[in-house]
Protein backbone atom coordinates (compact mmCIF):
# COMPACT_ATOMS: atom_id res chain seq x y z
CA MET A 1 9.98 -2.97 -18.77
CA ASP A 2 11.43 -3.82 -15.52
CA ILE A 3 9.95 -0.64 -13.81
CA ILE A 4 6.38 -1.91 -14.88
CA LYS A 5 7.06 -5.10 -13.03
CA ILE A 6 8.23 -3.34 -9.89
CA ALA A 7 4.99 -0.90 -10.30
CA MET A 8 2.70 -3.81 -10.79
CA ALA A 9 4.26 -5.75 -7.69
CA ALA A 10 3.89 -2.66 -5.44
CA PHE A 11 0.17 -2.13 -6.67
CA GLY A 12 -0.58 -5.80 -6.16
CA GLY A 13 0.91 -5.77 -2.66
CA THR A 14 -1.08 -2.96 -1.65
CA ILE A 15 -4.32 -4.54 -2.88
CA VAL A 16 -3.43 -7.79 -1.17
CA GLY A 17 -2.71 -5.80 2.04
CA GLY A 18 -6.09 -3.96 1.79
CA LEU A 19 -8.00 -7.30 1.08
CA ALA A 20 -6.22 -9.07 4.01
CA GLY A 21 -7.08 -6.05 6.21
CA TRP A 22 -10.65 -6.25 5.25
CA GLN A 23 -10.90 -9.90 5.81
CA SER A 24 -9.59 -9.78 9.25
CA SER A 25 -11.66 -6.76 10.13
CA GLY A 26 -15.00 -8.68 9.91
CA GLU A 27 -16.70 -5.51 8.53
CA ASP A 28 -19.02 -5.41 5.50
CA TRP A 29 -17.59 -4.65 2.08
CA ASN A 30 -17.01 -0.91 1.81
CA TRP A 31 -16.36 0.31 -1.64
CA ARG A 32 -15.24 3.70 -0.44
CA LYS A 33 -12.46 2.13 1.63
CA PHE A 34 -11.43 -0.12 -1.08
CA MET A 35 -10.78 2.86 -3.43
CA THR A 36 -8.65 4.50 -1.05
CA THR A 37 -6.56 1.30 -1.02
CA VAL A 38 -6.50 1.47 -4.99
CA LEU A 39 -5.37 5.06 -4.75
CA THR A 40 -2.69 4.20 -2.30
CA GLY A 41 -1.66 1.36 -4.57
CA ILE A 42 -1.30 3.55 -7.35
CA GLY A 43 0.57 5.98 -5.30
CA SER A 44 2.90 3.18 -3.94
CA ALA A 45 3.44 1.92 -7.53
CA ILE A 46 4.74 5.27 -8.68
CA ALA A 47 6.79 6.00 -5.77
CA LEU A 48 8.54 2.48 -6.00
CA ALA A 49 8.85 2.53 -9.88
CA LEU A 50 10.72 6.00 -9.59
CA THR A 51 12.86 4.47 -6.83
CA TYR A 52 14.06 1.62 -8.91
CA GLU A 53 14.34 3.69 -12.04
CA PHE A 54 18.03 3.96 -11.51
CA ALA A 55 18.64 0.53 -10.31
CA ALA A 56 20.93 -2.15 -11.92
CA PRO A 57 18.89 -4.88 -13.54
CA ILE A 58 16.02 -5.92 -11.47
CA SER A 59 15.81 -9.43 -9.94
CA THR A 60 13.06 -11.39 -8.47
CA ARG A 61 14.26 -10.42 -5.17
CA ASP A 62 13.50 -6.82 -6.09
CA ILE A 63 10.10 -7.62 -7.24
CA LEU A 64 9.16 -9.39 -4.00
CA ALA A 65 10.68 -6.41 -2.13
CA ALA A 66 8.16 -4.17 -3.99
CA PHE A 67 5.38 -6.47 -3.32
CA LEU A 68 6.12 -6.46 0.50
CA ALA A 69 6.73 -2.58 0.35
CA GLY A 70 3.25 -2.21 -1.15
CA ILE A 71 1.92 -4.26 1.74
CA GLY A 72 4.00 -2.03 4.22
CA ILE A 73 2.70 1.28 2.59
CA ASN A 74 -0.94 0.26 2.81
CA THR A 75 -0.59 -0.69 6.60
CA GLY A 76 1.43 2.40 7.35
CA ARG A 77 -1.50 4.55 5.76
CA VAL A 78 -4.25 2.92 7.84
CA ALA A 79 -2.09 3.16 10.92
CA ILE A 80 -1.62 6.80 10.55
CA SER A 81 -5.25 7.48 9.36
CA ASN A 82 -6.49 5.61 12.59
CA MET A 83 -4.01 7.64 14.71
CA ILE A 84 -5.51 10.89 13.27
CA ALA A 85 -8.98 9.89 13.83
CA LEU A 86 -8.30 8.86 17.30
CA ARG A 87 -6.53 12.12 18.14
CA ALA A 88 -9.54 14.01 16.60
CA LYS A 89 -12.06 12.09 18.98
CA THR A 90 -10.02 12.87 22.20
CA PRO A 91 -10.16 16.22 23.81
CA ASN A 92 -6.85 18.12 24.12
CA VAL A 93 -5.22 18.04 27.50
C-alpha cells in the first residue's frame, strides 16, 4: 500500500509541475502538451514506486520526496525537450 502512496505522490508532483509551468508560460491551454505531462507522470510514478519497493517502512518524508521528484522529472523533461528543439533549429557549425 505504501508503494501506491509513493506512485500517487510522484504522479501528483508531475501534474502540479506541469500546471505550474503552463501557468507561468502565459500560453493558451494545450491538451496535447498536458497529455505529455500525464504520460511523464505515469512514467515517474512507475519509476519511483519501483525505487521504493525495497525500502523500509515509508514515512511522510518519503512521500514528500516522491512529490518533489515528480516535479523535478517533469522539469527535466521539459528542459531536455527544449534543448533538442533548439539544437534542431540551429545549423551545425
